[in-house]
Amino acid sequence: TIETALIGALDAPLAPLWVWLVFGERPSIATL
């Protein structure tokens, strides 16, 4: 279970990356 959850945490850096690249919703330095 913890490995499933850990890999699922990849959503944290990936989701804002797609929105940043396509729509310019720029994350803060802290988020990056």
PDB file of all heavy atoms in Angstrom:
ATOM      1  N   THR A   1       0.813  -1.216   0.000  1.00  0.00           N
ATOM      2  CA  THR A   1       0.000   0.000   0.000  1.00  0.00           C
ATOM      3  C   THR A   1       0.845   1.263   0.000  1.00  0.00           C
ATOM      4  O   THR A   1       0.577   2.213  -0.741  1.00  0.00           O
ATOM      5  CB  THR A   1      -0.924   0.001   1.239  1.00  0.00           C
ATOM      6  OG1 THR A   1      -1.712  -1.187   1.237  1.00  0.00           O
ATOM      7  CG2 THR A   1      -1.842   1.209   1.227  1.00  0.00           C
ATOM      8  N   ILE A   2       1.898   1.302   0.824  1.00  0.00           N
ATOM      9  CA  ILE A   2       2.694   2.526   0.920  1.00  0.00           C
ATOM     10  C   ILE A   2       3.437   2.794  -0.387  1.00  0.00           C
ATOM     11  O   ILE A   2       3.637   3.945  -0.771  1.00  0.00           O
ATOM     12  CB  ILE A   2       3.671   2.477   2.119  1.00  0.00           C
ATOM     13  CG1 ILE A   2       4.285   3.870   2.346  1.00  0.00           C
ATOM     14  CG2 ILE A   2       4.731   1.413   1.932  1.00  0.00           C
ATOM     15  CD1 ILE A   2       5.096   3.972   3.606  1.00  0.00           C
ATOM     16  N   GLU A   3       3.849   1.747  -1.103  1.00  0.00           N
ATOM     17  CA  GLU A   3       4.512   1.954  -2.385  1.00  0.00           C
ATOM     18  C   GLU A   3       3.528   2.492  -3.419  1.00  0.00           C
ATOM     19  O   GLU A   3       3.865   3.372  -4.214  1.00  0.00           O
ATOM     20  CB  GLU A   3       5.131   0.646  -2.875  1.00  0.00           C
ATOM     21  CG  GLU A   3       6.389   0.238  -2.133  1.00  0.00           C
ATOM     22  CD  GLU A   3       7.149  -0.849  -2.875  1.00  0.00           C
ATOM     23  OE1 GLU A   3       7.468  -0.652  -4.070  1.00  0.00           O
ATOM     24  OE2 GLU A   3       7.416  -1.894  -2.272  1.00  0.00           O
ATOM     25  N   THR A   4       2.311   1.973  -3.412  1.00  0.00           N
ATOM     26  CA  THR A   4       1.277   2.489  -4.303  1.00  0.00           C
ATOM     27  C   THR A   4       1.067   3.975  -4.047  1.00  0.00           C
ATOM     28  O   THR A   4       0.989   4.791  -4.980  1.00  0.00           O
ATOM     29  CB  THR A   4      -0.048   1.740  -4.079  1.00  0.00           C
ATOM     30  OG1 THR A   4       0.167   0.340  -4.240  1.00  0.00           O
ATOM     31  CG2 THR A   4      -1.108   2.192  -5.070  1.00  0.00           C
ATOM     32  N   ALA A   5       0.975   4.331  -2.775  1.00  0.00           N
ATOM     33  CA  ALA A   5       0.749   5.729  -2.404  1.00  0.00           C
ATOM     34  C   ALA A   5       1.934   6.603  -2.764  1.00  0.00           C
ATOM     35  O   ALA A   5       1.775   7.743  -3.224  1.00  0.00           O
ATOM     36  CB  ALA A   5       0.463   5.809  -0.912  1.00  0.00           C
ATOM     37  N   LEU A   6       3.130   6.081  -2.553  1.00  0.00           N
ATOM     38  CA  LEU A   6       4.335   6.852  -2.827  1.00  0.00           C
ATOM     39  C   LEU A   6       4.444   7.182  -4.311  1.00  0.00           C
ATOM     40  O   LEU A   6       4.742   8.310  -4.693  1.00  0.00           O
ATOM     41  CB  LEU A   6       5.567   6.071  -2.364  1.00  0.00           C
ATOM     42  CG  LEU A   6       6.927   6.755  -2.492  1.00  0.00           C
ATOM     43  CD1 LEU A   6       6.938   8.066  -1.735  1.00  0.00           C
ATOM     44  CD2 LEU A   6       8.021   5.826  -1.991  1.00  0.00           C
ATOM     45  N   ILE A   7       4.181   6.190  -5.157  1.00  0.00           N
ATOM     46  CA  ILE A   7       4.213   6.435  -6.600  1.00  0.00           C
ATOM     47  C   ILE A   7       3.089   7.394  -6.997  1.00  0.00           C
ATOM     48  O   ILE A   7       3.261   8.260  -7.853  1.00  0.00           O
ATOM     49  CB  ILE A   7       4.106   5.103  -7.365  1.00  0.00           C
ATOM     50  CG1 ILE A   7       5.328   4.235  -7.071  1.00  0.00           C
ATOM     51  CG2 ILE A   7       3.996   5.353  -8.878  1.00  0.00           C
ATOM     52  CD1 ILE A   7       5.211   2.818  -7.593  1.00  0.00           C
ATOM     53  N   GLY A   8       1.926   7.243  -6.349  1.00  0.00           N
ATOM     54  CA  GLY A   8       0.825   8.148  -6.630  1.00  0.00           C
ATOM     55  C   GLY A   8       1.156   9.597  -6.317  1.00  0.00           C
ATOM     56  O   GLY A   8       0.585  10.518  -6.913  1.00  0.00           O
ATOM     57  N   ALA A   9       2.108   9.804  -5.404  1.00  0.00           N
ATOM     58  CA  ALA A   9       2.520  11.161  -5.052  1.00  0.00           C
ATOM     59  C   ALA A   9       3.208  11.874  -6.206  1.00  0.00           C
ATOM     60  O   ALA A   9       3.445  13.084  -6.142  1.00  0.00           O
ATOM     61  CB  ALA A   9       3.437  11.139  -3.828  1.00  0.00           C
ATOM     62  N   LEU A  10       3.531  11.145  -7.282  1.00  0.00           N
ATOM     63  CA  LEU A  10       4.081  11.794  -8.472  1.00  0.00           C
ATOM     64  C   LEU A  10       3.120  12.825  -9.048  1.00  0.00           C
ATOM     65  O   LEU A  10       3.522  13.708  -9.797  1.00  0.00           O
ATOM     66  CB  LEU A  10       4.398  10.747  -9.541  1.00  0.00           C
ATOM     67  CG  LEU A  10       5.679   9.926  -9.361  1.00  0.00           C
ATOM     68  CD1 LEU A  10       5.745   8.834 -10.408  1.00  0.00           C
ATOM     69  CD2 LEU A  10       6.904  10.825  -9.447  1.00  0.00           C
ATOM     70  N   ASP A  11       1.846  12.702  -8.703  1.00  0.00           N
ATOM     71  CA  ASP A  11       0.859  13.685  -9.141  1.00  0.00           C
ATOM     72  C   ASP A  11       1.249  15.090  -8.687  1.00  0.00           C
ATOM     73  O   ASP A  11       0.964  16.073  -9.381  1.00  0.00           O
ATOM     74  CB  ASP A  11      -0.515  13.302  -8.582  1.00  0.00           C
ATOM     75  CG  ASP A  11      -1.615  14.196  -9.105  1.00  0.00           C
ATOM     76  OD1 ASP A  11      -1.870  15.240  -8.461  1.00  0.00           O
ATOM     77  OD2 ASP A  11      -2.207  13.870 -10.143  1.00  0.00           O
ATOM     78  N   ALA A  12       1.905  15.184  -7.530  1.00  0.00           N
ATOM     79  CA  ALA A  12       2.242  16.493  -6.968  1.00  0.00           C
ATOM     80  C   ALA A  12       3.105  17.332  -7.899  1.00  0.00           C
ATOM     81  O   ALA A  12       2.794  18.497  -8.160  1.00  0.00           O
ATOM     82  CB  ALA A  12       2.919  16.325  -5.606  1.00  0.00           C
ATOM     83  N   PRO A  13       4.214  16.792  -8.436  1.00  0.00           N
ATOM     84  CA  PRO A  13       4.991  17.613  -9.366  1.00  0.00           C
ATOM     85  C   PRO A  13       4.475  17.593 -10.801  1.00  0.00           C
ATOM     86  O   PRO A  13       4.677  18.565 -11.531  1.00  0.00           O
ATOM     87  CB  PRO A  13       6.391  16.987  -9.283  1.00  0.00           C
ATOM     88  CG  PRO A  13       6.166  15.573  -8.910  1.00  0.00           C
ATOM     89  CD  PRO A  13       4.952  15.584  -8.012  1.00  0.00           C
ATOM     90  N   LEU A  14       3.791  16.515 -11.211  1.00  0.00           N
ATOM     91  CA  LEU A  14       3.401  16.401 -12.611  1.00  0.00           C
ATOM     92  C   LEU A  14       2.182  17.250 -12.961  1.00  0.00           C
ATOM     93  O   LEU A  14       2.159  17.897 -14.016  1.00  0.00           O
ATOM     94  CB  LEU A  14       3.113  14.938 -12.967  1.00  0.00           C
ATOM     95  CG  LEU A  14       4.319  14.000 -13.037  1.00  0.00           C
ATOM     96  CD1 LEU A  14       3.871  12.580 -13.340  1.00  0.00           C
ATOM     97  CD2 LEU A  14       5.309  14.482 -14.092  1.00  0.00           C
ATOM     98  N   ALA A  15       1.148  17.250 -12.104  1.00  0.00           N
ATOM     99  CA  ALA A  15      -0.089  17.963 -12.428  1.00  0.00           C
ATOM    100  C   ALA A  15       0.136  19.458 -12.686  1.00  0.00           C
ATOM    101  O   ALA A  15      -0.318  19.982 -13.714  1.00  0.00           O
ATOM    102  CB  ALA A  15      -1.122  17.752 -11.327  1.00  0.00           C
ATOM    103  N   PRO A  16       0.814  20.180 -11.787  1.00  0.00           N
ATOM    104  CA  PRO A  16       1.043  21.599 -12.078  1.00  0.00           C
ATOM    105  C   PRO A  16       1.970  21.825 -13.261  1.00  0.00           C
ATOM    106  O   PRO A  16       1.896  22.863 -13.926  1.00  0.00           O
ATOM    107  CB  PRO A  16       1.656  22.136 -10.776  1.00  0.00           C
ATOM    108  CG  PRO A  16       2.187  20.941 -10.063  1.00  0.00           C
ATOM    109  CD  PRO A  16       1.292  19.814 -10.443  1.00  0.00           C
ATOM    110  N   LEU A  17       2.834  20.830 -13.555  1.00  0.00           N
ATOM    111  CA  LEU A  17       3.732  20.974 -14.706  1.00  0.00           C
ATOM    112  C   LEU A  17       2.945  21.035 -16.003  1.00  0.00           C
ATOM    113  O   LEU A  17       3.188  21.912 -16.855  1.00  0.00           O
ATOM    114  CB  LEU A  17       4.707  19.788 -14.748  1.00  0.00           C
ATOM    115  CG  LEU A  17       5.626  19.723 -15.980  1.00  0.00           C
ATOM    116  CD1 LEU A  17       6.542  20.938 -16.023  1.00  0.00           C
ATOM    117  CD2 LEU A  17       6.442  18.428 -15.978  1.00  0.00           C
ATOM    118  N   TRP A  18       1.948  20.129 -16.196  1.00  0.00           N
ATOM    119  CA  TRP A  18       1.162  20.147 -17.433  1.00  0.00           C
ATOM    120  C   TRP A  18       0.399  21.471 -17.575  1.00  0.00           C
ATOM    121  O   TRP A  18       0.347  22.048 -18.669  1.00  0.00           O
ATOM    122  CB  TRP A  18       0.148  18.995 -17.450  1.00  0.00           C
ATOM    123  CG  TRP A  18       0.664  17.613 -17.178  1.00  0.00           C
ATOM    124  CD1 TRP A  18       0.047  16.631 -16.464  1.00  0.00           C
ATOM    125  CD2 TRP A  18       1.901  17.026 -17.634  1.00  0.00           C
ATOM    126  NE1 TRP A  18       0.805  15.490 -16.419  1.00  0.00           N
ATOM    127  CE2 TRP A  18       1.949  15.703 -17.133  1.00  0.00           C
ATOM    128  CE3 TRP A  18       2.964  17.498 -18.399  1.00  0.00           C
ATOM    129  CZ2 TRP A  18       3.018  14.843 -17.377  1.00  0.00           C
ATOM    130  CZ3 TRP A  18       4.041  16.642 -18.648  1.00  0.00           C
ATOM    131  CH2 TRP A  18       4.056  15.341 -18.143  1.00  0.00           C
ATOM    132  N   VAL A  19      -0.195  21.932 -16.468  1.00  0.00           N
ATOM    133  CA  VAL A  19      -0.984  23.166 -16.530  1.00  0.00           C
ATOM    134  C   VAL A  19      -0.086  24.376 -16.794  1.00  0.00           C
ATOM    135  O   VAL A  19      -0.456  25.307 -17.509  1.00  0.00           O
ATOM    136  CB  VAL A  19      -1.775  23.354 -15.220  1.00  0.00           C
ATOM    137  CG1 VAL A  19      -2.565  24.657 -15.238  1.00  0.00           C
ATOM    138  CG2 VAL A  19      -2.734  22.180 -15.018  1.00  0.00           C
ATOM    139  N   TRP A  20       1.095  24.350 -16.224  1.00  0.00           N
ATOM    140  CA  TRP A  20       2.070  25.427 -16.452  1.00  0.00           C
ATOM    141  C   TRP A  20       2.458  25.468 -17.933  1.00  0.00           C
ATOM    142  O   TRP A  20       2.472  26.530 -18.563  1.00  0.00           O
ATOM    143  CB  TRP A  20       3.286  25.193 -15.567  1.00  0.00           C
ATOM    144  CG  TRP A  20       4.372  26.223 -15.702  1.00  0.00           C
ATOM    145  CD1 TRP A  20       4.270  27.486 -16.204  1.00  0.00           C
ATOM    146  CD2 TRP A  20       5.743  26.062 -15.316  1.00  0.00           C
ATOM    147  NE1 TRP A  20       5.485  28.131 -16.151  1.00  0.00           N
ATOM    148  CE2 TRP A  20       6.400  27.275 -15.617  1.00  0.00           C
ATOM    149  CE3 TRP A  20       6.457  25.022 -14.740  1.00  0.00           C
ATOM    150  CZ2 TRP A  20       7.761  27.454 -15.361  1.00  0.00           C
ATOM    151  CZ3 TRP A  20       7.803  25.211 -14.477  1.00  0.00           C
ATOM    152  CH2 TRP A  20       8.456  26.414 -14.787  1.00  0.00           C
ATOM    153  N   LEU A  21       2.780  24.301 -18.503  1.00  0.00           N
ATOM    154  CA  LEU A  21       3.237  24.245 -19.888  1.00  0.00           C
ATOM    155  C   LEU A  21       2.147  24.657 -20.870  1.00  0.00           C
ATOM    156  O   LEU A  21       2.427  25.325 -21.872  1.00  0.00           O
ATOM    157  CB  LEU A  21       3.723  22.823 -20.214  1.00  0.00           C
ATOM    158  CG  LEU A  21       5.000  22.364 -19.505  1.00  0.00           C
ATOM    159  CD1 LEU A  21       5.294  20.903 -19.828  1.00  0.00           C
ATOM    160  CD2 LEU A  21       6.184  23.247 -19.896  1.00  0.00           C
ATOM    161  N   VAL A  22       0.888  24.265 -20.598  1.00  0.00           N
ATOM    162  CA  VAL A  22      -0.190  24.497 -21.566  1.00  0.00           C
ATOM    163  C   VAL A  22      -0.899  25.824 -21.330  1.00  0.00           C
ATOM    164  O   VAL A  22      -1.198  26.568 -22.280  1.00  0.00           O
ATOM    165  CB  VAL A  22      -1.210  23.343 -21.523  1.00  0.00           C
ATOM    166  CG1 VAL A  22      -2.377  23.619 -22.460  1.00  0.00           C
ATOM    167  CG2 VAL A  22      -0.526  22.024 -21.896  1.00  0.00           C
ATOM    168  N   PHE A  23      -1.176  26.165 -20.056  1.00  0.00           N
ATOM    169  CA  PHE A  23      -1.991  27.341 -19.750  1.00  0.00           C
ATOM    170  C   PHE A  23      -1.225  28.465 -19.055  1.00  0.00           C
ATOM    171  O   PHE A  23      -1.791  29.528 -18.790  1.00  0.00           O
ATOM    172  CB  PHE A  23      -3.191  26.942 -18.882  1.00  0.00           C
ATOM    173  CG  PHE A  23      -4.159  26.043 -19.587  1.00  0.00           C
ATOM    174  CD1 PHE A  23      -4.206  24.691 -19.293  1.00  0.00           C
ATOM    175  CD2 PHE A  23      -5.004  26.541 -20.561  1.00  0.00           C
ATOM    176  CE1 PHE A  23      -5.092  23.850 -19.949  1.00  0.00           C
ATOM    177  CE2 PHE A  23      -5.896  25.713 -21.224  1.00  0.00           C
ATOM    178  CZ  PHE A  23      -5.934  24.366 -20.920  1.00  0.00           C
ATOM    179  N   GLY A  24       0.023  28.238 -18.733  1.00  0.00           N
ATOM    180  CA  GLY A  24       0.811  29.282 -18.101  1.00  0.00           C
ATOM    181  C   GLY A  24       0.434  29.570 -16.664  1.00  0.00           C
ATOM    182  O   GLY A  24       0.730  30.654 -16.155  1.00  0.00           O
ATOM    183  N   GLU A  25      -0.255  28.610 -15.987  1.00  0.00           N
ATOM    184  CA  GLU A  25      -0.567  28.767 -14.561  1.00  0.00           C
ATOM    185  C   GLU A  25       0.706  28.464 -13.785  1.00  0.00           C
ATOM    186  O   GLU A  25       0.978  27.346 -13.383  1.00  0.00           O
ATOM    187  CB  GLU A  25      -1.696  27.820 -14.155  1.00  0.00           C
ATOM    188  CG  GLU A  25      -2.196  28.039 -12.730  1.00  0.00           C
ATOM    189  CD  GLU A  25      -3.369  27.136 -12.380  1.00  0.00           C
ATOM    190  OE1 GLU A  25      -4.456  27.329 -12.965  1.00  0.00           O
ATOM    191  OE2 GLU A  25      -3.189  26.244 -11.527  1.00  0.00           O
ATOM    192  N   ARG A  26       1.495  29.513 -13.572  1.00  0.00           N
ATOM    193  CA  ARG A  26       2.854  29.347 -13.070  1.00  0.00           C
ATOM    194  C   ARG A  26       2.870  29.033 -11.568  1.00  0.00           C
ATOM    195  O   ARG A  26       2.354  29.811 -10.761  1.00  0.00           O
ATOM    196  CB  ARG A  26       3.662  30.621 -13.329  1.00  0.00           C
ATOM    197  CG  ARG A  26       5.143  30.516 -12.964  1.00  0.00           C
ATOM    198  CD  ARG A  26       5.837  31.841 -13.245  1.00  0.00           C
ATOM    199  NE  ARG A  26       5.804  32.147 -14.659  1.00  0.00           N
ATOM    200  CZ  ARG A  26       6.724  31.716 -15.524  1.00  0.00           C
ATOM    201  NH1 ARG A  26       7.711  30.957 -15.113  1.00  0.00           N
ATOM    202  NH2 ARG A  26       6.633  32.046 -16.802  1.00  0.00           N
ATOM    203  N   PRO A  27       3.470  27.908 -11.187  1.00  0.00           N
ATOM    204  CA  PRO A  27       3.593  27.602  -9.757  1.00  0.00           C
ATOM    205  C   PRO A  27       4.669  28.462  -9.115  1.00  0.00           C
ATOM    206  O   PRO A  27       5.566  28.967  -9.794  1.00  0.00           O
ATOM    207  CB  PRO A  27       3.992  26.118  -9.755  1.00  0.00           C
ATOM    208  CG  PRO A  27       4.678  25.915 -11.060  1.00  0.00           C
ATOM    209  CD  PRO A  27       3.990  26.839 -12.038  1.00  0.00           C
ATOM    210  N   SER A  28       4.572  28.625  -7.806  1.00  0.00           N
ATOM    211  CA  SER A  28       5.557  29.417  -7.088  1.00  0.00           C
ATOM    212  C   SER A  28       6.882  28.658  -6.989  1.00  0.00           C
ATOM    213  O   SER A  28       6.962  27.454  -7.243  1.00  0.00           O
ATOM    214  CB  SER A  28       5.043  29.734  -5.680  1.00  0.00           C
ATOM    215  OG  SER A  28       4.946  28.532  -4.924  1.00  0.00           O
ATOM    216  N   ILE A  29       7.927  29.378  -6.585  1.00  0.00           N
ATOM    217  CA  ILE A  29       9.238  28.756  -6.383  1.00  0.00           C
ATOM    218  C   ILE A  29       9.141  27.661  -5.323  1.00  0.00           C
ATOM    219  O   ILE A  29       9.747  26.592  -5.438  1.00  0.00           O
ATOM    220  CB  ILE A  29      10.279  29.812  -5.968  1.00  0.00           C
ATOM    221  CG1 ILE A  29      10.475  30.836  -7.103  1.00  0.00           C
ATOM    222  CG2 ILE A  29      11.605  29.135  -5.628  1.00  0.00           C
ATOM    223  CD1 ILE A  29      10.973  30.230  -8.399  1.00  0.00           C
ATOM    224  N   ALA A  30       8.343  27.911  -4.269  1.00  0.00           N
ATOM    225  CA  ALA A  30       8.176  26.918  -3.205  1.00  0.00           C
ATOM    226  C   ALA A  30       7.527  25.648  -3.747  1.00  0.00           C
ATOM    227  O   ALA A  30       7.907  24.529  -3.378  1.00  0.00           O
ATOM    228  CB  ALA A  30       7.336  27.500  -2.067  1.00  0.00           C
ATOM    229  N   THR A  31       6.551  25.811  -4.633  1.00  0.00           N
ATOM    230  CA  THR A  31       5.898  24.650  -5.231  1.00  0.00           C
ATOM    231  C   THR A  31       6.864  23.864  -6.100  1.00  0.00           C
ATOM    232  O   THR A  31       6.896  22.632  -6.063  1.00  0.00           O
ATOM    233  CB  THR A  31       4.685  25.101  -6.063  1.00  0.00           C
ATOM    234  OG1 THR A  31       3.725  25.705  -5.197  1.00  0.00           O
ATOM    235  CG2 THR A  31       4.040  23.925  -6.771  1.00  0.00           C
ATOM    236  N   LEU A  32       7.682  24.567  -6.886  1.00  0.00           N
ATOM    237  CA  LEU A  32       8.661  23.888  -7.725  1.00  0.00           C
ATOM    238  C   LEU A  32       9.692  23.150  -6.887  1.00  0.00           C
ATOM    239  O   LEU A  32      10.044  22.000  -7.181  1.00  0.00           O
ATOM    240  CB  LEU A  32       9.348  24.909  -8.636  1.00  0.00           C
ATOM    241  CG  LEU A  32       8.480  25.543  -9.724  1.00  0.00           C
ATOM    242  CD1 LEU A  32       9.253  26.637 -10.444  1.00  0.00           C
ATOM    243  CD2 LEU A  32       8.026  24.481 -10.718  1.00  0.00           C
TER     244      LEU A  32
END
